[in-house]
Each structure stands twice: as C-alpha cells, then as structure tokens.
Protein backbone atom coordinates (compact mmCIF):
# COMPACT_ATOMS: atom_id res chain seq x y z
CA MET A 1 109.54 71.37 -59.78
CA ASP A 2 106.63 72.95 -57.92
CA ARG A 3 103.39 71.22 -58.84
CA GLU A 4 101.58 74.56 -58.91
CA ILE A 5 103.65 75.93 -61.78
CA ARG A 6 104.11 72.73 -63.75
CA LYS A 7 102.47 72.86 -67.16
CA PRO A 8 99.56 70.44 -67.58
CA THR A 9 100.11 67.38 -69.77
CA ILE A 10 98.58 67.76 -73.21
CA HIS A 11 97.37 64.34 -74.31
CA SER A 12 97.89 63.58 -77.96
CA MET A 13 98.17 60.57 -80.21
CA LYS A 14 101.21 62.34 -81.67
CA ARG A 15 103.23 61.82 -78.51
CA ARG A 16 105.69 58.95 -78.67
CA SER A 17 105.71 56.17 -76.09
CA GLN A 18 108.50 56.71 -73.57
CA ALA A 19 108.75 52.96 -72.98
CA HIS A 20 109.36 51.97 -76.61
CA ASP A 21 112.46 52.12 -78.80
CA TYR A 22 111.29 53.36 -82.18
CA ASP A 23 114.27 51.84 -83.97
CA ARG A 24 113.18 48.30 -83.06
CA CYS A 25 111.40 45.75 -85.23
CA GLY A 26 107.62 45.57 -84.96
CA TYR A 27 104.32 46.80 -86.39
CA TYR A 28 103.33 50.47 -86.52
CA HIS A 29 99.98 51.88 -87.65
CA ILE A 30 100.89 55.37 -88.85
CA THR A 31 98.47 58.22 -89.56
CA ILE A 32 99.59 61.46 -91.25
CA SER A 33 97.30 64.41 -91.98
CA VAL A 34 97.67 67.12 -94.61
CA ALA A 35 98.36 70.68 -93.52
CA LYS A 36 95.46 72.72 -92.23
CA GLY A 37 93.83 74.87 -94.87
CA LEU A 38 94.25 72.32 -97.65
CA ARG A 39 90.87 70.95 -98.72
CA GLN A 40 91.13 67.28 -99.70
CA PRO A 41 94.22 67.64 -101.91
CA LEU A 42 94.78 63.88 -102.21
CA GLY A 43 91.46 62.75 -103.71
CA ARG A 44 87.76 62.15 -103.14
CA VAL A 45 85.73 59.15 -101.97
CA VAL A 46 83.48 57.62 -104.63
CA GLY A 47 81.58 54.37 -105.11
CA ARG A 48 78.44 52.64 -103.90
CA LEU A 49 77.73 51.28 -100.43
CA ASP A 50 75.74 48.36 -101.82
CA LYS A 51 78.81 47.00 -103.63
CA PRO A 52 81.13 44.60 -101.79
CA ASP A 53 84.84 45.21 -101.34
CA GLY A 54 86.75 44.18 -104.44
CA ASP A 55 84.03 45.33 -106.81
CA SER A 56 85.06 48.14 -109.17
CA GLU A 57 82.17 50.23 -107.86
CA ALA A 58 82.84 49.56 -104.15
CA PRO A 59 83.71 52.64 -102.06
CA HIS A 60 87.24 53.80 -102.85
CA VAL A 61 89.34 56.94 -103.14
CA GLU A 62 89.75 58.51 -106.56
CA LEU A 63 93.22 60.02 -106.20
CA THR A 64 94.32 63.38 -107.54
CA PRO A 65 97.77 63.70 -109.16
CA ILE A 66 99.09 64.79 -105.76
CA GLY A 67 97.42 61.78 -104.15
CA ARG A 68 99.01 59.45 -106.70
CA MET A 69 102.37 61.04 -106.02
CA VAL A 70 101.96 60.44 -102.27
CA GLU A 71 100.95 56.83 -102.92
CA GLU A 72 104.05 56.32 -105.07
CA GLU A 73 106.33 57.75 -102.38
CA LEU A 74 104.66 55.53 -99.78
CA ARG A 75 104.89 52.32 -101.80
CA GLU A 76 108.37 52.73 -103.25
CA SER A 77 110.61 55.26 -101.53
CA ILE A 78 110.50 54.04 -97.93
CA ARG A 79 111.44 50.46 -98.84
CA ARG A 80 114.15 51.69 -101.24
CA VAL A 81 115.98 53.57 -98.48
CA TYR A 82 115.10 51.23 -95.61
CA PRO A 83 114.98 47.65 -96.97
CA MET A 84 113.95 46.30 -93.56
CA LEU A 85 110.71 48.30 -93.69
CA GLU A 86 107.56 47.27 -95.55
CA VAL A 87 104.25 49.09 -96.04
CA GLN A 88 101.80 46.18 -95.92
CA ASP A 89 98.41 47.93 -95.73
CA TYR A 90 97.61 51.53 -96.58
CA VAL A 91 94.90 53.91 -97.70
CA VAL A 92 95.35 57.43 -99.04
CA MET A 93 92.27 59.39 -97.99
CA PRO A 94 91.36 62.90 -99.27
CA GLU A 95 93.10 64.67 -96.38
CA HIS A 96 95.10 62.01 -94.53
CA LEU A 97 96.67 58.61 -94.95
CA HIS A 98 96.93 55.45 -92.87
CA PHE A 99 99.54 52.76 -93.37
CA LEU A 100 100.76 49.72 -91.49
CA LEU A 101 104.53 49.91 -91.43
CA VAL A 102 106.32 46.66 -90.60
CA ALA A 103 109.93 46.70 -89.40
CA HIS A 104 111.20 43.17 -90.11
CA SER A 105 114.38 43.95 -88.21
CA ASP A 106 115.84 46.89 -86.30
CA VAL A 107 115.76 50.07 -88.39
CA VAL A 108 119.19 51.20 -89.57
CA SER A 109 120.30 53.79 -92.11
CA ARG A 110 122.51 53.10 -95.11
CA SER A 111 125.49 54.00 -92.98
CA GLY A 112 124.54 51.28 -90.50
CA LYS A 113 123.35 53.61 -87.71
CA LYS A 114 120.20 52.86 -85.73
CA THR A 115 117.37 55.03 -87.02
CA HIS A 116 114.35 56.35 -85.13
CA LEU A 117 110.96 55.94 -86.81
CA GLY A 118 110.77 59.75 -86.93
CA HIS A 119 113.67 59.77 -89.42
CA VAL A 120 111.67 57.57 -91.75
CA ILE A 121 108.52 59.69 -91.51
CA ALA A 122 110.54 62.87 -91.96
CA GLY A 123 112.23 61.49 -95.07
CA PHE A 124 108.88 60.43 -96.50
CA LYS A 125 107.42 63.89 -95.89
CA TYR A 126 110.50 65.51 -97.35
CA GLY A 127 110.11 63.58 -100.58
CA CYS A 128 106.40 64.38 -100.81
CA ASN A 129 107.03 68.06 -100.09
CA ARG A 130 109.63 68.43 -102.82
CA ARG A 131 107.39 66.87 -105.43
CA TYR A 132 104.32 68.76 -104.13
CA TRP A 133 106.13 72.11 -104.39
CA VAL A 134 107.18 71.37 -107.97
CA MET A 135 103.74 70.09 -108.99
CA THR A 136 102.07 73.22 -107.64
CA GLY A 137 104.75 75.53 -109.06
CA ALA A 138 105.77 76.80 -105.63
CA LEU A 139 109.39 75.69 -105.76
CA ALA A 140 110.17 77.30 -109.11
CA GLU A 141 108.38 80.52 -108.19
CA SER A 142 110.13 81.32 -104.94
CA LYS A 143 111.48 84.80 -104.42
CA SER A 144 115.08 83.79 -104.96
CA GLY A 145 114.32 82.52 -108.45
CA LEU A 146 115.06 78.97 -107.36
CA THR A 147 114.63 76.40 -110.16
CA THR A 148 114.85 72.65 -110.18
CA GLU A 149 116.95 70.20 -112.13
CA GLY A 150 114.84 67.63 -113.94
CA ASN A 151 111.22 66.80 -113.43
CA LEU A 152 110.81 66.34 -109.69
CA ALA A 153 107.07 65.89 -110.15
CA THR A 154 107.69 62.52 -111.77
CA LYS A 155 110.91 61.53 -110.00
CA SER A 156 111.20 60.53 -106.36
CA PRO A 157 113.89 62.84 -104.98
CA GLY A 158 112.75 63.11 -101.40
CA THR A 159 113.33 59.91 -99.57
CA VAL A 160 116.32 59.02 -101.74
CA LYS A 161 117.99 62.38 -101.20
CA ALA A 162 116.84 62.83 -97.64
CA GLY A 163 119.82 61.45 -95.76
CA THR A 164 120.67 64.86 -94.34
CA ALA A 165 117.02 65.75 -93.93
CA GLU A 166 116.29 62.56 -92.03
CA ALA A 167 119.22 63.06 -89.70
CA GLU A 168 118.02 66.58 -88.95
CA ALA A 169 114.31 65.84 -88.80
CA GLY A 170 114.47 62.44 -87.16
CA THR A 171 116.63 63.69 -84.31
CA ALA A 172 114.06 66.30 -83.47
CA GLU A 173 111.27 63.73 -83.84
CA ALA A 174 113.01 61.28 -81.54
CA LYS A 175 113.30 64.00 -78.90
CA ALA A 176 109.96 65.73 -79.23
CA GLY A 177 107.85 63.31 -81.23
CA THR A 178 105.77 65.98 -82.92
CA ALA A 179 107.67 68.20 -85.33
CA GLU A 180 108.83 66.42 -88.42
CA ALA A 181 106.94 68.70 -90.79
CA ASP A 182 108.98 71.62 -89.52
CA THR A 183 112.19 69.62 -89.31
CA ALA A 184 111.61 68.12 -92.73
CA VAL A 185 111.66 71.65 -94.10
CA ALA A 186 114.89 72.16 -92.19
CA GLY A 187 116.17 68.98 -93.79
CA THR A 188 115.15 70.26 -97.20
CA GLU A 189 117.09 73.42 -96.51
CA GLU A 190 120.17 71.49 -95.52
CA ALA A 191 119.95 69.17 -98.49
CA ASP A 192 119.55 72.13 -100.83
CA THR A 193 122.43 73.94 -99.15
CA ALA A 194 124.70 70.95 -99.57
CA GLY A 195 123.75 70.51 -103.21
CA THR A 196 124.27 74.16 -104.07
CA ALA A 197 127.57 74.36 -102.25
CA GLU A 198 128.81 71.27 -104.07
CA ARG A 199 127.95 72.75 -107.47
CA HIS A 200 129.59 76.10 -106.72
CA GLY A 201 132.54 74.86 -104.72
CA ARG A 202 132.07 73.64 -101.16
CA ASN A 203 134.31 76.31 -99.63
CA SER A 204 133.58 79.13 -102.03
CA VAL A 205 131.93 82.39 -101.02
CA LEU A 206 129.60 82.09 -104.02
CA GLY A 207 128.46 78.65 -102.87
CA ASP A 208 127.70 79.93 -99.36
CA SER A 209 125.76 82.95 -100.57
CA VAL A 210 123.63 80.97 -103.03
CA ALA A 211 122.97 78.33 -100.38
CA LYS A 212 121.77 80.94 -97.89
CA GLU A 213 119.56 82.47 -100.55
CA ARG A 214 118.00 79.07 -101.21
CA LEU A 215 117.43 78.55 -97.48
CA VAL A 216 115.38 81.74 -97.28
CA ALA A 217 113.33 80.67 -100.29
CA ILE A 218 112.58 77.19 -98.93
CA LYS A 219 111.42 78.59 -95.58
CA GLU A 220 108.61 80.43 -97.34
CA LEU A 221 107.10 77.25 -98.81
CA SER A 222 104.06 75.66 -97.17
CA PRO A 223 104.35 71.89 -96.54
CA LEU A 224 101.83 69.35 -97.76
CA PHE A 225 101.53 67.65 -94.36
CA GLU A 226 100.96 69.02 -90.88
CA ALA A 227 103.54 68.54 -88.14
CA GLY A 228 103.77 65.22 -86.36
CA TYR A 229 102.15 61.85 -86.90
CA CYS A 230 100.07 59.37 -84.91
CA ASP A 231 101.32 55.87 -84.23
CA VAL A 232 99.54 52.84 -82.79
CA MET A 233 101.48 49.67 -82.00
CA PRO A 234 99.27 46.54 -82.05
CA VAL A 235 100.12 44.35 -79.07
CA ASP A 236 98.66 41.07 -80.35
CA ALA A 237 97.27 39.37 -83.46
CA GLU A 238 93.71 40.48 -82.70
CA GLN A 239 94.67 44.16 -82.50
CA LEU A 240 96.74 43.81 -85.66
CA ALA A 241 93.74 42.38 -87.52
CA THR A 242 91.59 45.23 -86.18
CA GLN A 243 94.07 47.82 -87.45
CA ARG A 244 94.21 46.20 -90.91
CA ALA A 245 90.39 46.14 -91.10
CA TYR A 246 90.21 49.77 -89.98
CA ILE A 247 92.62 50.88 -92.71
CA HIS A 248 90.75 49.05 -95.48
CA ALA A 249 87.31 50.20 -94.21
CA ASN A 250 88.18 53.93 -94.31
CA PRO A 251 86.63 54.75 -97.73
CA ARG A 252 83.44 52.83 -96.97
CA CYS A 253 83.08 54.46 -93.55
CA ARG A 254 83.65 57.90 -95.06
CA LEU A 255 80.96 57.31 -97.67
CA GLN A 256 78.58 56.04 -94.99
CA ARG A 257 79.07 59.21 -92.97
CA ALA A 258 78.58 61.38 -96.04
CA MET A 259 75.25 59.70 -96.81
CA ASN A 260 74.06 59.62 -93.18
CA ARG A 261 75.37 62.91 -91.80
CA ALA A 262 72.68 63.23 -89.15
CA TRP A 263 73.60 59.87 -87.60
CA LEU A 264 77.27 59.36 -88.38
CA GLN A 265 78.90 62.29 -86.65
CA PRO A 266 79.04 63.27 -82.97
CA GLN A 267 76.09 65.34 -81.74
CA ARG A 268 76.95 67.46 -78.72
CA HIS A 269 74.81 67.77 -75.57
CA THR A 270 71.80 66.15 -77.25
CA ILE A 271 70.55 64.13 -74.26
CA ASP A 272 69.47 65.62 -70.94
CA THR A 273 69.64 62.88 -68.30
CA ALA A 274 67.80 65.05 -65.74
CA VAL A 275 70.39 63.86 -63.19
CA SER A 276 72.18 66.48 -61.11
CA LEU A 277 75.69 65.97 -59.74
CA ARG A 278 74.27 65.98 -56.22
CA ALA A 279 71.81 63.22 -57.10
CA LEU A 280 74.55 61.20 -58.79
CA TYR A 281 76.84 61.49 -55.76
CA GLY A 282 73.97 60.31 -53.55
CA TYR A 283 73.51 57.26 -55.77
CA LEU A 284 77.24 56.50 -55.72
CA GLN A 285 77.40 56.91 -51.95
CA ARG A 286 74.89 54.08 -51.69
CA GLU A 287 76.44 51.90 -54.41
CA CYS A 288 80.19 52.22 -53.78
CA PRO A 289 80.89 54.24 -50.59
CA GLN A 290 84.40 52.85 -50.14
CA GLN A 291 85.58 53.86 -53.63
CA LEU A 292 83.91 57.29 -53.59
CA ASN A 293 86.77 59.30 -52.15
CA ALA A 294 87.58 62.98 -52.70
CA GLU A 295 89.79 62.21 -55.71
CA ALA A 296 87.02 60.21 -57.41
CA VAL A 297 84.47 62.97 -56.78
CA ALA A 298 86.81 65.60 -58.23
CA MET A 299 87.50 63.49 -61.32
CA LEU A 300 83.81 62.82 -61.93
CA GLY A 301 83.02 66.51 -61.69
CA LYS A 302 85.80 67.31 -64.14
CA ARG A 303 84.92 64.67 -66.74
CA LEU A 304 81.11 64.70 -66.75
CA LEU A 305 79.35 66.81 -69.38
CA GLN A 306 77.04 69.30 -67.69
CA ALA A 307 74.57 72.04 -68.52
CA ASN A 308 72.27 73.96 -66.19
CA GLY A 309 73.37 71.81 -63.27
CA ARG A 310 72.44 68.52 -64.95
CA ILE A 311 74.45 65.78 -66.63
CA MET A 312 74.26 65.76 -70.42
CA CYS A 313 75.26 63.18 -73.03
CA ASP A 314 76.75 63.45 -76.50
CA SER A 315 75.43 60.98 -79.06
CA TYR A 316 76.47 59.22 -82.25
CA GLY A 317 74.00 57.18 -84.28
CA ASN A 318 70.23 56.89 -84.56
CA ALA A 319 68.87 59.36 -81.99
CA GLN A 320 65.32 58.35 -82.93
CA LEU A 321 65.82 55.26 -80.75
CA LEU A 322 65.35 57.53 -77.73
CA GLN A 323 61.67 57.90 -78.65
CA ARG A 324 60.97 54.20 -78.06
CA ARG A 325 60.48 52.25 -74.82
CA LEU A 326 63.87 52.06 -73.15
CA LEU A 327 65.02 49.31 -70.77
CA PRO A 328 68.25 49.45 -68.73
CA VAL A 329 70.50 46.39 -68.78
CA VAL A 330 72.67 46.13 -65.65
CA CYS A 331 73.95 42.76 -64.44
CA HIS A 332 74.70 42.60 -60.70
CA ARG A 333 76.79 39.94 -59.02
CA LYS A 334 74.00 39.21 -56.57
CA ASP A 335 71.81 38.20 -59.53
CA ALA A 336 74.39 35.95 -61.21
CA ALA A 337 72.31 32.83 -60.63
CA LEU A 338 69.39 34.50 -62.43
CA PHE A 339 71.35 35.59 -65.50
CA ALA A 340 69.58 33.20 -67.90
CA GLN A 341 66.25 34.63 -66.78
CA GLN A 342 67.48 38.22 -67.17
CA LYS A 343 68.88 37.58 -70.65
CA ALA A 344 65.71 35.85 -71.84
CA ARG A 345 63.51 38.66 -70.54
CA CYS A 346 65.69 41.35 -72.14
CA LEU A 347 65.67 39.68 -75.55
CA GLU A 348 61.95 39.03 -75.29
CA GLU A 349 61.24 42.72 -74.72
CA ALA A 350 63.70 43.69 -77.48
CA ALA A 351 61.80 41.45 -79.90
CA LYS A 352 58.63 43.38 -79.01
CA GLY A 353 60.26 46.69 -79.98
CA SER A 354 61.90 47.91 -76.77
CA VAL A 355 65.44 49.32 -76.90
CA LEU A 356 68.04 47.94 -74.48
CA VAL A 357 70.32 50.53 -72.83
CA SER A 358 73.60 49.56 -71.17
CA ALA A 359 77.18 50.58 -70.50
CA ARG A 360 78.13 47.01 -71.48
CA ILE A 361 80.64 46.68 -68.65
CA SER A 362 80.16 43.16 -67.24
CA LYS A 363 80.36 39.99 -69.31
CA GLY A 364 76.64 39.47 -68.84
CA GLU A 365 75.81 42.93 -70.19
CA GLN A 366 78.14 42.35 -73.13
CA GLU A 367 76.46 39.03 -73.92
CA ILE A 368 72.94 40.49 -73.80
CA LEU A 369 73.72 43.53 -75.96
CA ASP A 370 75.80 41.60 -78.49
CA THR A 371 73.07 38.99 -78.85
CA ALA A 372 70.48 41.71 -79.34
CA LEU A 373 72.48 43.39 -82.10
CA LEU A 374 73.17 40.09 -83.86
CA SER A 375 69.44 39.41 -83.73
CA GLY A 376 68.72 42.74 -85.42
CA TYR A 377 67.32 44.43 -82.31
CA PRO A 378 68.33 48.09 -81.74
CA VAL A 379 70.36 49.02 -78.65
CA ILE A 380 71.78 52.11 -76.97
CA ARG A 381 75.31 51.75 -75.66
CA ILE A 382 76.84 54.12 -73.08
CA GLU A 383 80.51 54.67 -73.89
CA ASP A 384 83.15 55.02 -71.15
CA ASN A 385 84.96 57.89 -72.88
CA GLY A 386 83.90 61.00 -74.74
CA PHE A 387 83.85 61.49 -78.50
CA ALA A 388 86.93 63.22 -79.88
CA ASP A 389 86.53 65.98 -82.49
CA ILE A 390 87.28 63.37 -85.14
CA TYR A 391 85.49 60.28 -83.87
CA HIS A 392 85.45 56.93 -85.68
CA PRO A 393 83.71 53.92 -84.11
CA SER A 394 84.64 50.42 -85.21
CA ALA A 395 83.53 49.26 -88.66
CA ASN A 396 80.84 47.03 -87.11
CA HIS A 397 79.49 49.86 -84.99
CA MET A 398 79.54 52.14 -88.02
CA ASP A 399 77.41 49.64 -89.94
CA ASP A 400 74.98 49.27 -87.03
CA CYS A 401 74.71 53.06 -86.64
CA ALA A 402 74.17 53.52 -90.39
CA ALA A 403 71.46 50.83 -90.32
CA GLY A 404 69.71 52.67 -87.48
CA ASN A 405 70.16 49.85 -84.96
CA LEU A 406 72.72 51.50 -82.69
CA LEU A 407 73.00 54.73 -80.75
CA LEU A 408 76.25 55.44 -78.91
CA ILE A 409 75.99 57.97 -76.09
CA THR A 410 78.50 59.27 -73.56
CA PRO A 411 78.28 61.54 -70.50
CA TRP A 412 82.05 62.09 -70.53
CA ALA A 413 84.32 64.72 -72.01
CA TYR A 414 86.93 63.08 -74.23
CA GLN A 415 90.27 62.28 -72.65
CA TYR A 416 93.21 60.48 -74.25
CA ARG A 417 93.67 57.10 -72.61
CA SER A 418 96.24 54.40 -73.24
CA HIS A 419 95.16 50.84 -74.00
CA GLU A 420 96.21 49.62 -70.55
CA GLU A 421 94.17 52.17 -68.57
CA SER A 422 90.93 51.03 -66.96
CA ILE A 423 87.98 52.92 -65.54
CA SER A 424 87.18 53.09 -61.82
CA VAL A 425 84.22 51.62 -59.96
CA PRO A 426 82.57 55.06 -59.45
CA PHE A 427 82.78 55.66 -63.23
CA CYS A 428 81.09 52.31 -63.93
CA LYS A 429 78.39 52.93 -61.34
CA ALA A 430 77.82 56.44 -62.72
CA MET A 431 77.08 54.98 -66.16
CA ASN A 432 74.67 52.47 -64.63
CA CYS A 433 72.90 55.35 -62.91
CA ILE A 434 72.66 57.25 -66.19
CA ALA A 435 71.28 54.18 -67.98
CA GLN A 436 68.42 54.01 -65.48
CA ALA A 437 67.87 57.78 -65.63
CA ILE A 438 67.58 57.77 -69.43
CA CYS A 439 65.16 54.84 -69.32
CA ARG A 440 63.23 56.33 -66.38
CA MET A 441 63.24 52.82 -64.96
CA LYS A 442 65.14 50.83 -62.31
CA ASP A 443 67.51 48.12 -63.49
CA SER A 444 65.51 45.47 -61.64
CA TRP A 445 62.55 45.75 -64.07
CA TRP A 446 63.18 42.28 -65.53
CA LYS A 447 62.35 40.63 -62.18
CA GLU A 448 58.81 41.92 -62.29
CA ALA A 449 56.01 39.74 -63.67
C-alpha cells in the first residue's frame, strides 16, 4: 500500500497486542468505562484521607444499586461460566472499574473451545446490560412492548445466558479489539431471538416475526458501558504488585484529587521555558551531533509543546514550587568520580529551601531526587511523555503532589508508548536543556564554591 494514502495509526490502550494469545493463561489488568453521557452511575467516593486503609472511614466507593449489580456480576458470573478465571483484585469506581483477571489455565468455553478474552468481557457486559436495562425500566418500555420473564434486576442472566452473545461479540473483539459494547448488543439480540423462536416454535413464522420485532427493540437500548476495554499484562512480580496497588488506591487517589483540584489535575501550557526550537537545536548540535539526524529533528518538532515560537510545559502538582530557587540536577559521565560531591551539594541546597529540578534519567539523578523526596525536600521532575487527558501518576507521586512536595512537568505532547519502548538521546538531552532553562542556571552550578 502507498505510504501516502495509508491511514495513520491511532494509538489506544484498547488495542490488543498482536503478539499475545488472549486465550492463554496469565494475568490481565482490565479497565472498563461506562458509556459517555452517564454521570457516575456506579457510585460516589466518600471517606477521609486521614484514615488508613481498612478503616471504615477510609476512602471508598459508596455503590449505587447499579454499582452493586455490576460488582455482583464481576465477582460471581465470570467465574461461574469460566471456572479457570478468577477476579482477584477489583474496584468499582463511579464511572469505570478496574479488575485483575487471572487465567489459571487456557480459557475455554463450556463446549471446550478456546475462548478469546474478548468473549469473556463481552459476556460480562451483556449480563450487566440486561440487568441495567431492567433496573432502569428501559427493557420493559421498548417500542415493541417487550417484557421480561422474572426479575432480571436481581438475577444474573447475562453471563450465564451469554453463550451466543459471547460467540458473536468475542469474535469481533478478537479481530478488532475494540467493539464488544456494540457486539454485546448484537449478542443480546441473538440470544433474545433464539429464546423467542424457541417459545413460539423454532421454524414458525410467528417465532421469526416476534424475534425480528425484539431485535429492533433491543437495538434502541443504550448500553451501560462504552465500547472496548483496556488491558495491561504485568510482565513480572514487581509490575503485578504495582497493578494491585493501583487498583486498591483508586478511591483514595480520587478523593485526593477532589480535595486538591488545583494541584492534582494536568494544567496545560503553564510553564514558558523561554527556549525556542532553534536554540534547542543549537544546544543538541553541541551535545549529541551524531544522534541529531533529520528524523530526530522532525520528531522533536512534532512532539514538543510550543506557543509563540517557544517550548512550553504542562504541569501536575504544586506549581508554587516554581517561585522558589531552582537548581538543575544533571549527572554527566565525565563527572562520575565526583558524584558523591554532587549529591551532597544538591541535598545541602535542598535542605536550605532550594528545589531540585531533573528529568531523572541517569541512576545518579534518580538517586539524588529519590533521596531528596524521602528526606521531605520538594523536587520538580521532568517527565519523558506528555499527560493524557485522564492522567494518573503513581500512588507515591500522588501523595507527594498532594503534600506539595512534587511538581511533575513535561514539554511533550502525550503519545501512547509500550513498556518496551525507550527514549532517544536527543530527547534526553532536550529535557536536560529544559531543566537548565527553567532554573536559569547551568547544570555545573554544584562545582562552584
């Protein structure tokens, strides 16, 4: 295909990995969001930040009846249909849910066929949709006069009855990786069609006509969840522990953001570095001439945030730190033998009230900034990627930001990046340049008497 007419890749956490078989055993961190336009239908975050986890007043989600229904489907229905699957950790938030799904063996259906993870998600959504429609009165009030048998608001019809729905929805999910909300509706239609035809005679004209009428009615119903889902597969024990901690910390982090709105949400174009692209390229030409090729220059120009010809930065955290004396922390290989001196000088100045600024790229920079934070000294960290529309730092960073000891800044537009991808030398050098520009000071300041 001609490169000029090829559609650009749209990066999304909802895309499935092409190198992974989603019917295999393993760990999956799944995130599902409610449909757009629904305002926190699953609950609200309540509690007190000064209470530790496990306390009755610690931050938690007070679920609505719909939220409790979703929790019930999550805890019971998936394992009932797929015994090899287990939901180990989960949290139902007001407008989304996270859960760690463990496949103890390869995923197979009741008929013994290998089953894509999309089938499971589709069946779960199908069950939630059916009960949601009944609870809100939508299913009984459709134009065709469709009514339900029994109390679907208290039963769990979806995942149990979703064999046809899963086959329909999961196939589409395995191929496209993004559409099980739509295909789950299709599965609902097929399941309803089969049920109606069976009651009225599978080959009867009456059965076919009623089934088609029900299909039209179901199509008009709005689903509880939006299309697709996000999945993250932890690659080692450390990542798995991080994912578990992230899931459990969600209510506390949400409450922190609600009580510190000015600090705990991305602020766009808040920092003017006063560095032009031309000046940056001049700096990079001196620092890394061999790596600064045409491709690197084009990528920098595309990714850097700019306004009025100058590089800007987004921020997240305590922006008041910018008003204090700022000191850049950049560790060069040529100064490796002097690292102990550099670290001591940095921490000495931090103890006096200065704020250390660094991209935290090298091990030395990481050690200095981490030690400063653990000592209670504020720091500014330059991130190597932009802030997404919905940005969540780690739980530790969230605590440091809420306490006013950390400001995260970034000169980059957000771009989806896999765990294995690394940043180039020009990108690292560009962040070092920006650190010095923000501080209005060269990175060799610590050598001075």
